[in-house]
C-alpha atoms as a PDB file:
ATOM      1  CA  VAL A   1    -124.287-169.044  -2.925  1.00  0.00           C
ATOM      2  CA  LEU A   2    -120.704-166.807  -2.795  1.00  0.00           C
ATOM      3  CA  GLU A   3    -120.002-164.285  -4.708  1.00  0.00           C
ATOM      4  CA  PHE A   4    -116.281-163.161  -4.967  1.00  0.00           C
ATOM      5  CA  PRO A   5    -116.015-159.598  -6.776  1.00  0.00           C
ATOM      6  CA  LYS A   6    -113.483-159.313  -9.876  1.00  0.00           C
ATOM      7  CA  TYR A   7    -113.271-155.655  -9.018  1.00  0.00           C
ATOM      8  CA  PHE A   8    -113.673-152.676  -6.865  1.00  0.00           C
ATOM      9  CA  THR A   9    -113.130-149.606  -6.800  1.00  0.00           C
ATOM     10  CA  PRO A  10    -112.595-147.383  -3.059  1.00  0.00           C
ATOM     11  CA  ASN A  11    -113.150-144.239  -3.984  1.00  0.00           C
ATOM     12  CA  ASN A  12    -115.937-143.147  -1.065  1.00  0.00           C
ATOM     13  CA  ASP A  13    -118.939-142.855  -3.698  1.00  0.00           C
ATOM     14  CA  GLY A  14    -120.915-145.418  -2.437  1.00  0.00           C
ATOM     15  CA  VAL A  15    -120.842-147.995  -4.281  1.00  0.00           C
ATOM     16  CA  ASN A  16    -117.946-151.329  -4.384  1.00  0.00           C
ATOM     17  CA  ASP A  17    -116.558-149.174  -2.124  1.00  0.00           C
ATOM     18  CA  VAL A  18    -114.997-152.496  -0.203  1.00  0.00           C
ATOM     19  CA  TRP A  19    -113.974-155.383  -1.603  1.00  0.00           C
ATOM     20  CA  VAL A  20    -115.940-158.414   0.465  1.00  0.00           C
ATOM     21  CA  VAL A  21    -117.487-161.975  -0.282  1.00  0.00           C
ATOM     22  CA  ARG A  22    -120.620-161.878  -0.174  1.00  0.00           C
ATOM     23  CA  GLY A  23    -123.387-165.113   1.123  1.00  0.00           C
ATOM     24  CA  ALA A  24    -120.840-165.642   3.591  1.00  0.00           C
ATOM     25  CA  SER A  25    -121.492-165.248   7.333  1.00  0.00           C
ATOM     26  CA  THR A  26    -120.615-167.087  10.388  1.00  0.00           C
ATOM     27  CA  ALA A  27    -123.749-168.251  10.520  1.00  0.00           C
ATOM     28  CA  PHE A  28    -123.137-170.508   7.949  1.00  0.00           C
ATOM     29  CA  TYR A  29    -119.683-171.243   8.042  1.00  0.00           C
ATOM     30  CA  PRO A  30    -118.879-170.578  11.541  1.00  0.00           C
ATOM     31  CA  GLN A  31    -114.421-170.751  11.080  1.00  0.00           C
ATOM     32  CA  SER A  32    -113.215-168.510   8.154  1.00  0.00           C
ATOM     33  CA  SER A  33    -110.547-167.251   7.325  1.00  0.00           C
ATOM     34  CA  ILE A  34    -110.205-164.629   4.384  1.00  0.00           C
ATOM     35  CA  HIS A  35    -105.987-163.457   3.226  1.00  0.00           C
ATOM     36  CA  ILE A  36    -105.533-160.986   0.326  1.00  0.00           C
ATOM     37  CA  PHE A  37    -102.021-160.959  -1.371  1.00  0.00           C
ATOM     38  CA  ASP A  38    -100.028-158.632  -3.704  1.00  0.00           C
ATOM     39  CA  ARG A  39     -99.011-159.920  -7.030  1.00  0.00           C
ATOM     40  CA  TYR A  40     -96.037-161.232  -5.466  1.00  0.00           C
ATOM     41  CA  GLY A  41     -97.958-163.263  -2.869  1.00  0.00           C
ATOM     42  CA  ASN A  42     -96.998-160.826  -0.043  1.00  0.00           C
ATOM     43  CA  PRO A  43     -99.889-160.800   2.634  1.00  0.00           C
ATOM     44  CA  ILE A  44    -101.803-157.424   2.645  1.00  0.00           C
ATOM     45  CA  THR A  45    -104.331-158.077   5.428  1.00  0.00           C
ATOM     46  CA  GLU A  46    -107.238-160.299   6.715  1.00  0.00           C
ATOM     47  CA  ILE A  47    -110.600-159.718   6.535  1.00  0.00           C
ATOM     48  CA  ALA A  48    -113.419-160.979   8.933  1.00  0.00           C
ATOM     49  CA  ILE A  49    -116.069-162.782   6.918  1.00  0.00           C
ATOM     50  CA  ASP A  50    -119.107-161.365   9.163  1.00  0.00           C
ATOM     51  CA  GLY A  51    -116.641-157.510   8.038  1.00  0.00           C
ATOM     52  CA  GLN A  52    -116.628-154.377   6.297  1.00  0.00           C
ATOM     53  CA  GLY A  53    -114.588-155.355   3.660  1.00  0.00           C
ATOM     54  CA  TRP A  54    -111.568-154.534   2.948  1.00  0.00           C
ATOM     55  CA  ASP A  55    -111.117-150.652   1.787  1.00  0.00           C
ATOM     56  CA  GLY A  56    -108.157-150.755  -0.304  1.00  0.00           C
ATOM     57  CA  LEU A  57    -105.030-149.564   2.143  1.00  0.00           C
ATOM     58  CA  TYR A  58    -102.374-150.905   3.916  1.00  0.00           C
ATOM     59  CA  ASN A  59    -101.373-149.888   7.007  1.00  0.00           C
ATOM     60  CA  GLY A  60    -102.510-146.808   6.834  1.00  0.00           C
ATOM     61  CA  LYS A  61    -101.192-146.063   3.382  1.00  0.00           C
ATOM     62  CA  VAL A  62    -103.334-146.268  -0.333  1.00  0.00           C
ATOM     63  CA  LEU A  63    -102.487-149.208  -2.293  1.00  0.00           C
ATOM     64  CA  PRO A  64    -102.647-147.944  -5.961  1.00  0.00           C
ATOM     65  CA  SER A  65    -104.907-149.422  -8.691  1.00  0.00           C
ATOM     66  CA  ASN A  66    -103.364-153.248  -9.721  1.00  0.00           C
ATOM     67  CA  ASP A  67    -104.283-156.973  -9.788  1.00  0.00           C
ATOM     68  CA  TYR A  68    -104.941-158.322  -6.097  1.00  0.00           C
ATOM     69  CA  TRP A  69    -105.046-161.889  -4.799  1.00  0.00           C
ATOM     70  CA  PHE A  70    -107.140-163.751  -2.186  1.00  0.00           C
ATOM     71  CA  ASN A  71    -107.680-167.302  -0.588  1.00  0.00           C
ATOM     72  CA  ILE A  72    -110.545-167.932   1.510  1.00  0.00           C
ATOM     73  CA  GLU A  73    -111.253-171.215   3.602  1.00  0.00           C
ATOM     74  CA  LEU A  74    -114.391-171.744   4.795  1.00  0.00           C
ATOM     75  CA  THR A  75    -115.635-174.379   7.038  1.00  0.00           C
ATOM     76  CA  ASP A  76    -119.273-174.938   7.649  1.00  0.00           C
ATOM     77  CA  ARG A  77    -121.347-176.068  11.221  1.00  0.00           C
ATOM     78  CA  ASN A  78    -121.012-180.336  10.195  1.00  0.00           C
ATOM     79  CA  GLY A  79    -117.438-179.622   9.071  1.00  0.00           C
ATOM     80  CA  ASN A  80    -117.170-179.526   5.855  1.00  0.00           C
ATOM     81  CA  LYS A  81    -114.596-177.393   3.672  1.00  0.00           C
ATOM     82  CA  ILE A  82    -114.530-174.911   1.078  1.00  0.00           C
ATOM     83  CA  SER A  83    -111.435-173.303  -0.255  1.00  0.00           C
ATOM     84  CA  ARG A  84    -111.062-171.102  -3.118  1.00  0.00           C
ATOM     85  CA  LYS A  85    -108.458-168.798  -5.023  1.00  0.00           C
ATOM     86  CA  GLY A  86    -108.499-166.219  -7.269  1.00  0.00           C
ATOM     87  CA  HIS A  87    -107.796-162.493  -7.807  1.00  0.00           C
ATOM     88  CA  PHE A  88    -109.601-159.162  -8.263  1.00  0.00           C
ATOM     89  CA  SER A  89    -108.363-155.804  -9.285  1.00  0.00           C
ATOM     90  CA  LEU A  90    -109.203-152.318  -7.435  1.00  0.00           C
ATOM     91  CA  LEU A  91    -109.542-149.685  -9.351  1.00  0.00           C
ATOM     92  CA  ARG A  92    -108.967-145.996  -8.859  1.00  0.00           C
ATOM     93  CA  LYS A  93    -109.981-143.127 -10.737  1.00  0.00           C
END
């Protein structure tokens, strides 16, 4: 089961501080790409499926509260591909 969080709050309180796909790893999906874009379609970052997730920074600068989009391509060990697109909110409080 894959989970794509609807929001995250990078305020260093230890809860929802990064946006990360849950339920996926290189053990199940040896090939993957996860890209995050701003509302204009400009690429923000690419994160690893087993990585720490996205912390709301772009080139070391804090991005504002807004909606961001993702595009995920996963390929399992049998060569089956899964593609998902969606959006989530970055909330700064």
